Amino acid sequence: MEGTRIDKWLWAARFFKTRTLATEAVERGRVRLNDERCKPARGLKPGDLLDIDNGSTQWQVRVVGLSDQRGPAPMARQLYEETPAGVARREQEAERRQLFAEPADAIRGRPTKRDRRVLDRSRG
């Protein structure tokens, strides 16, 4: 295989759950090929550098293999290799998320009447 669409490859490499999500990410500029925006039908070849933001994680990977069929995760992992800079950035982000507690995580569902009164008192 000499080239495959970038949206198909992102789906096959399991960066996105569906091909539609992969296509939307490429169109919105969340996937950059060799530091440039591209279209979903752009051809991908081994050696290309991809910056991928799938919403929860940012990846920087180099394309090693091509596939346009989604297979098992171990095979998908063989399609790319992560750059050292990308690994460091992901580890820093994971550490930051671990140390920072999101205040909204403590809130479960809709506030009760008691919760609302406490909020009103705290606001003045």
C-alpha atoms as a PDB file:
ATOM      1  CA  MET A   1       0.000   0.000   0.000  1.00  0.00           C
ATOM      2  CA  GLU A   2       1.610   3.286  -1.041  1.00  0.00           C
ATOM      3  CA  GLY A   3      -0.774   5.731   0.607  1.00  0.00           C
ATOM      4  CA  THR A   4      -3.967   5.836   2.629  1.00  0.00           C
ATOM      5  CA  ARG A   5      -6.392   8.575   3.626  1.00  0.00           C
ATOM      6  CA  ILE A   6      -5.476  10.273   6.892  1.00  0.00           C
ATOM      7  CA  ASP A   7      -8.977   9.876   8.346  1.00  0.00           C
ATOM      8  CA  LYS A   8      -9.010   6.129   7.640  1.00  0.00           C
ATOM      9  CA  TRP A   9      -5.549   5.727   9.157  1.00  0.00           C
ATOM     10  CA  LEU A  10      -6.497   7.624  12.340  1.00  0.00           C
ATOM     11  CA  TRP A  11      -9.509   5.348  12.743  1.00  0.00           C
ATOM     12  CA  ALA A  12      -7.500   2.186  11.988  1.00  0.00           C
ATOM     13  CA  ALA A  13      -4.764   3.247  14.439  1.00  0.00           C
ATOM     14  CA  ARG A  14      -7.482   3.701  17.090  1.00  0.00           C
ATOM     15  CA  PHE A  15      -6.968   7.376  17.841  1.00  0.00           C
ATOM     16  CA  PHE A  16     -10.686   7.925  17.207  1.00  0.00           C
ATOM     17  CA  LYS A  17     -13.598   5.605  17.864  1.00  0.00           C
ATOM     18  CA  THR A  18     -15.308   6.245  14.542  1.00  0.00           C
ATOM     19  CA  ARG A  19     -14.165   7.380  11.147  1.00  0.00           C
ATOM     20  CA  THR A  20     -16.637  10.260  11.315  1.00  0.00           C
ATOM     21  CA  LEU A  21     -14.934  11.574  14.470  1.00  0.00           C
ATOM     22  CA  ALA A  22     -11.556  11.274  12.759  1.00  0.00           C
ATOM     23  CA  THR A  23     -12.819  13.182   9.718  1.00  0.00           C
ATOM     24  CA  GLU A  24     -14.280  15.959  11.886  1.00  0.00           C
ATOM     25  CA  ALA A  25     -11.025  16.291  13.850  1.00  0.00           C
ATOM     26  CA  VAL A  26      -9.009  16.665  10.655  1.00  0.00           C
ATOM     27  CA  GLU A  27     -11.453  19.229   9.264  1.00  0.00           C
ATOM     28  CA  ARG A  28     -11.334  21.269  12.485  1.00  0.00           C
ATOM     29  CA  GLY A  29      -7.547  21.361  12.508  1.00  0.00           C
ATOM     30  CA  ARG A  30      -7.052  19.082  15.515  1.00  0.00           C
ATOM     31  CA  VAL A  31      -4.843  16.832  13.417  1.00  0.00           C
ATOM     32  CA  ARG A  32      -1.770  18.344  11.789  1.00  0.00           C
ATOM     33  CA  LEU A  33       0.355  16.550   9.213  1.00  0.00           C
ATOM     34  CA  ASN A  34       3.996  17.669   9.253  1.00  0.00           C
ATOM     35  CA  ASP A  35       2.940  20.853  11.139  1.00  0.00           C
ATOM     36  CA  GLU A  36       0.330  21.803   8.522  1.00  0.00           C
ATOM     37  CA  ARG A  37      -3.446  21.565   8.412  1.00  0.00           C
ATOM     38  CA  CYS A  38      -4.766  19.065   5.929  1.00  0.00           C
ATOM     39  CA  LYS A  39      -7.979  17.632   4.546  1.00  0.00           C
ATOM     40  CA  PRO A  40      -9.394  14.195   5.484  1.00  0.00           C
ATOM     41  CA  ALA A  41      -8.622  12.731   2.046  1.00  0.00           C
ATOM     42  CA  ARG A  42      -4.941  13.690   2.233  1.00  0.00           C
ATOM     43  CA  GLY A  43      -2.612  10.795   1.556  1.00  0.00           C
ATOM     44  CA  LEU A  44      -0.439   9.525   4.358  1.00  0.00           C
ATOM     45  CA  LYS A  45       2.884   7.747   3.936  1.00  0.00           C
ATOM     46  CA  PRO A  46       5.401   6.164   6.329  1.00  0.00           C
ATOM     47  CA  GLY A  47       7.653   8.729   7.975  1.00  0.00           C
ATOM     48  CA  ASP A  48       5.006  11.457   8.223  1.00  0.00           C
ATOM     49  CA  LEU A  49       4.748  13.288  11.550  1.00  0.00           C
ATOM     50  CA  LEU A  50       1.259  13.748  13.033  1.00  0.00           C
ATOM     51  CA  ASP A  51       0.100  15.984  15.886  1.00  0.00           C
ATOM     52  CA  ILE A  52      -3.220  14.568  17.094  1.00  0.00           C
ATOM     53  CA  ASP A  53      -5.620  16.081  19.624  1.00  0.00           C
ATOM     54  CA  ASN A  54      -8.487  13.652  20.196  1.00  0.00           C
ATOM     55  CA  GLY A  55     -10.136  15.736  22.894  1.00  0.00           C
ATOM     56  CA  SER A  56      -8.721  14.017  25.950  1.00  0.00           C
ATOM     57  CA  THR A  57      -5.102  13.437  24.913  1.00  0.00           C
ATOM     58  CA  GLN A  58      -2.567  15.049  22.620  1.00  0.00           C
ATOM     59  CA  TRP A  59      -0.261  12.759  20.680  1.00  0.00           C
ATOM     60  CA  GLN A  60       2.780  13.364  18.516  1.00  0.00           C
ATOM     61  CA  VAL A  61       3.491  10.276  16.430  1.00  0.00           C
ATOM     62  CA  ARG A  62       5.491   9.210  13.412  1.00  0.00           C
ATOM     63  CA  VAL A  63       3.710   6.956  10.902  1.00  0.00           C
ATOM     64  CA  VAL A  64       5.425   3.557  10.617  1.00  0.00           C
ATOM     65  CA  GLY A  65       2.814   1.479   8.807  1.00  0.00           C
ATOM     66  CA  LEU A  66      -0.305   2.019   6.755  1.00  0.00           C
ATOM     67  CA  SER A  67      -3.715   0.442   7.098  1.00  0.00           C
ATOM     68  CA  ASP A  68      -7.237   1.430   6.207  1.00  0.00           C
ATOM     69  CA  GLN A  69      -8.859  -1.433   8.126  1.00  0.00           C
ATOM     70  CA  ARG A  70      -9.430  -1.334  11.863  1.00  0.00           C
ATOM     71  CA  GLY A  71      -7.916  -4.316  13.606  1.00  0.00           C
ATOM     72  CA  PRO A  72      -6.994  -5.341  17.135  1.00  0.00           C
ATOM     73  CA  ALA A  73      -5.253  -2.802  19.380  1.00  0.00           C
ATOM     74  CA  PRO A  74      -1.821  -4.527  19.294  1.00  0.00           C
ATOM     75  CA  MET A  75      -1.816  -4.337  15.495  1.00  0.00           C
ATOM     76  CA  ALA A  76      -2.972  -0.711  15.583  1.00  0.00           C
ATOM     77  CA  ARG A  77      -0.073   0.141  17.921  1.00  0.00           C
ATOM     78  CA  GLN A  78       2.365  -1.111  15.262  1.00  0.00           C
ATOM     79  CA  LEU A  79       1.164   1.534  12.793  1.00  0.00           C
ATOM     80  CA  TYR A  80       2.931   4.386  14.621  1.00  0.00           C
ATOM     81  CA  GLU A  81       5.699   5.227  17.047  1.00  0.00           C
ATOM     82  CA  GLU A  82       5.346   8.033  19.530  1.00  0.00           C
ATOM     83  CA  THR A  83       8.031  10.714  19.554  1.00  0.00           C
ATOM     84  CA  PRO A  84       9.999  11.328  22.777  1.00  0.00           C
ATOM     85  CA  ALA A  85       8.655  14.897  22.916  1.00  0.00           C
ATOM     86  CA  GLY A  86       5.102  13.572  22.634  1.00  0.00           C
ATOM     87  CA  VAL A  87       5.659  11.045  25.429  1.00  0.00           C
ATOM     88  CA  ALA A  88       7.070  13.748  27.721  1.00  0.00           C
ATOM     89  CA  ARG A  89       4.155  16.082  26.970  1.00  0.00           C
ATOM     90  CA  ARG A  90       1.560  13.364  27.666  1.00  0.00           C
ATOM     91  CA  GLU A  91       3.252  12.410  30.945  1.00  0.00           C
ATOM     92  CA  GLN A  92       3.321  16.056  32.080  1.00  0.00           C
ATOM     93  CA  GLU A  93      -0.351  16.449  31.236  1.00  0.00           C
ATOM     94  CA  ALA A  94      -1.249  13.237  33.099  1.00  0.00           C
ATOM     95  CA  GLU A  95       0.681  14.418  36.160  1.00  0.00           C
ATOM     96  CA  ARG A  96      -1.001  17.823  36.025  1.00  0.00           C
ATOM     97  CA  ARG A  97      -4.439  16.190  35.835  1.00  0.00           C
ATOM     98  CA  GLN A  98      -3.581  13.931  38.757  1.00  0.00           C
ATOM     99  CA  LEU A  99      -2.510  16.847  40.970  1.00  0.00           C
ATOM    100  CA  PHE A 100      -5.350  19.193  40.019  1.00  0.00           C
ATOM    101  CA  ALA A 101      -8.780  18.302  41.369  1.00  0.00           C
ATOM    102  CA  GLU A 102     -11.572  19.693  39.221  1.00  0.00           C
ATOM    103  CA  PRO A 103     -14.112  21.398  41.530  1.00  0.00           C
ATOM    104  CA  ALA A 104     -17.037  20.242  39.411  1.00  0.00           C
ATOM    105  CA  ASP A 105     -16.081  16.589  39.922  1.00  0.00           C
ATOM    106  CA  ALA A 106     -17.469  16.739  43.471  1.00  0.00           C
ATOM    107  CA  ILE A 107     -20.898  17.744  42.195  1.00  0.00           C
ATOM    108  CA  ARG A 108     -23.026  14.771  41.260  1.00  0.00           C
ATOM    109  CA  GLY A 109     -26.201  15.464  39.337  1.00  0.00           C
ATOM    110  CA  ARG A 110     -28.575  18.279  40.041  1.00  0.00           C
ATOM    111  CA  PRO A 111     -28.060  20.261  43.272  1.00  0.00           C
ATOM    112  CA  THR A 112     -30.523  19.611  46.065  1.00  0.00           C
ATOM    113  CA  LYS A 113     -32.442  22.327  47.863  1.00  0.00           C
ATOM    114  CA  ARG A 114     -29.888  22.165  50.673  1.00  0.00           C
ATOM    115  CA  ASP A 115     -26.986  22.494  48.200  1.00  0.00           C
ATOM    116  CA  ARG A 116     -28.634  25.540  46.641  1.00  0.00           C
ATOM    117  CA  ARG A 117     -29.034  27.212  50.049  1.00  0.00           C
ATOM    118  CA  VAL A 118     -25.369  26.582  50.856  1.00  0.00           C
ATOM    119  CA  LEU A 119     -24.360  28.072  47.500  1.00  0.00           C
ATOM    120  CA  ASP A 120     -26.596  31.103  48.077  1.00  0.00           C
ATOM    121  CA  ARG A 121     -25.080  31.674  51.548  1.00  0.00           C
ATOM    122  CA  SER A 122     -21.550  31.446  50.187  1.00  0.00           C
ATOM    123  CA  ARG A 123     -22.336  33.981  47.452  1.00  0.00           C
ATOM    124  CA  GLY A 124     -23.749  36.475  49.950  1.00  0.00           C
END
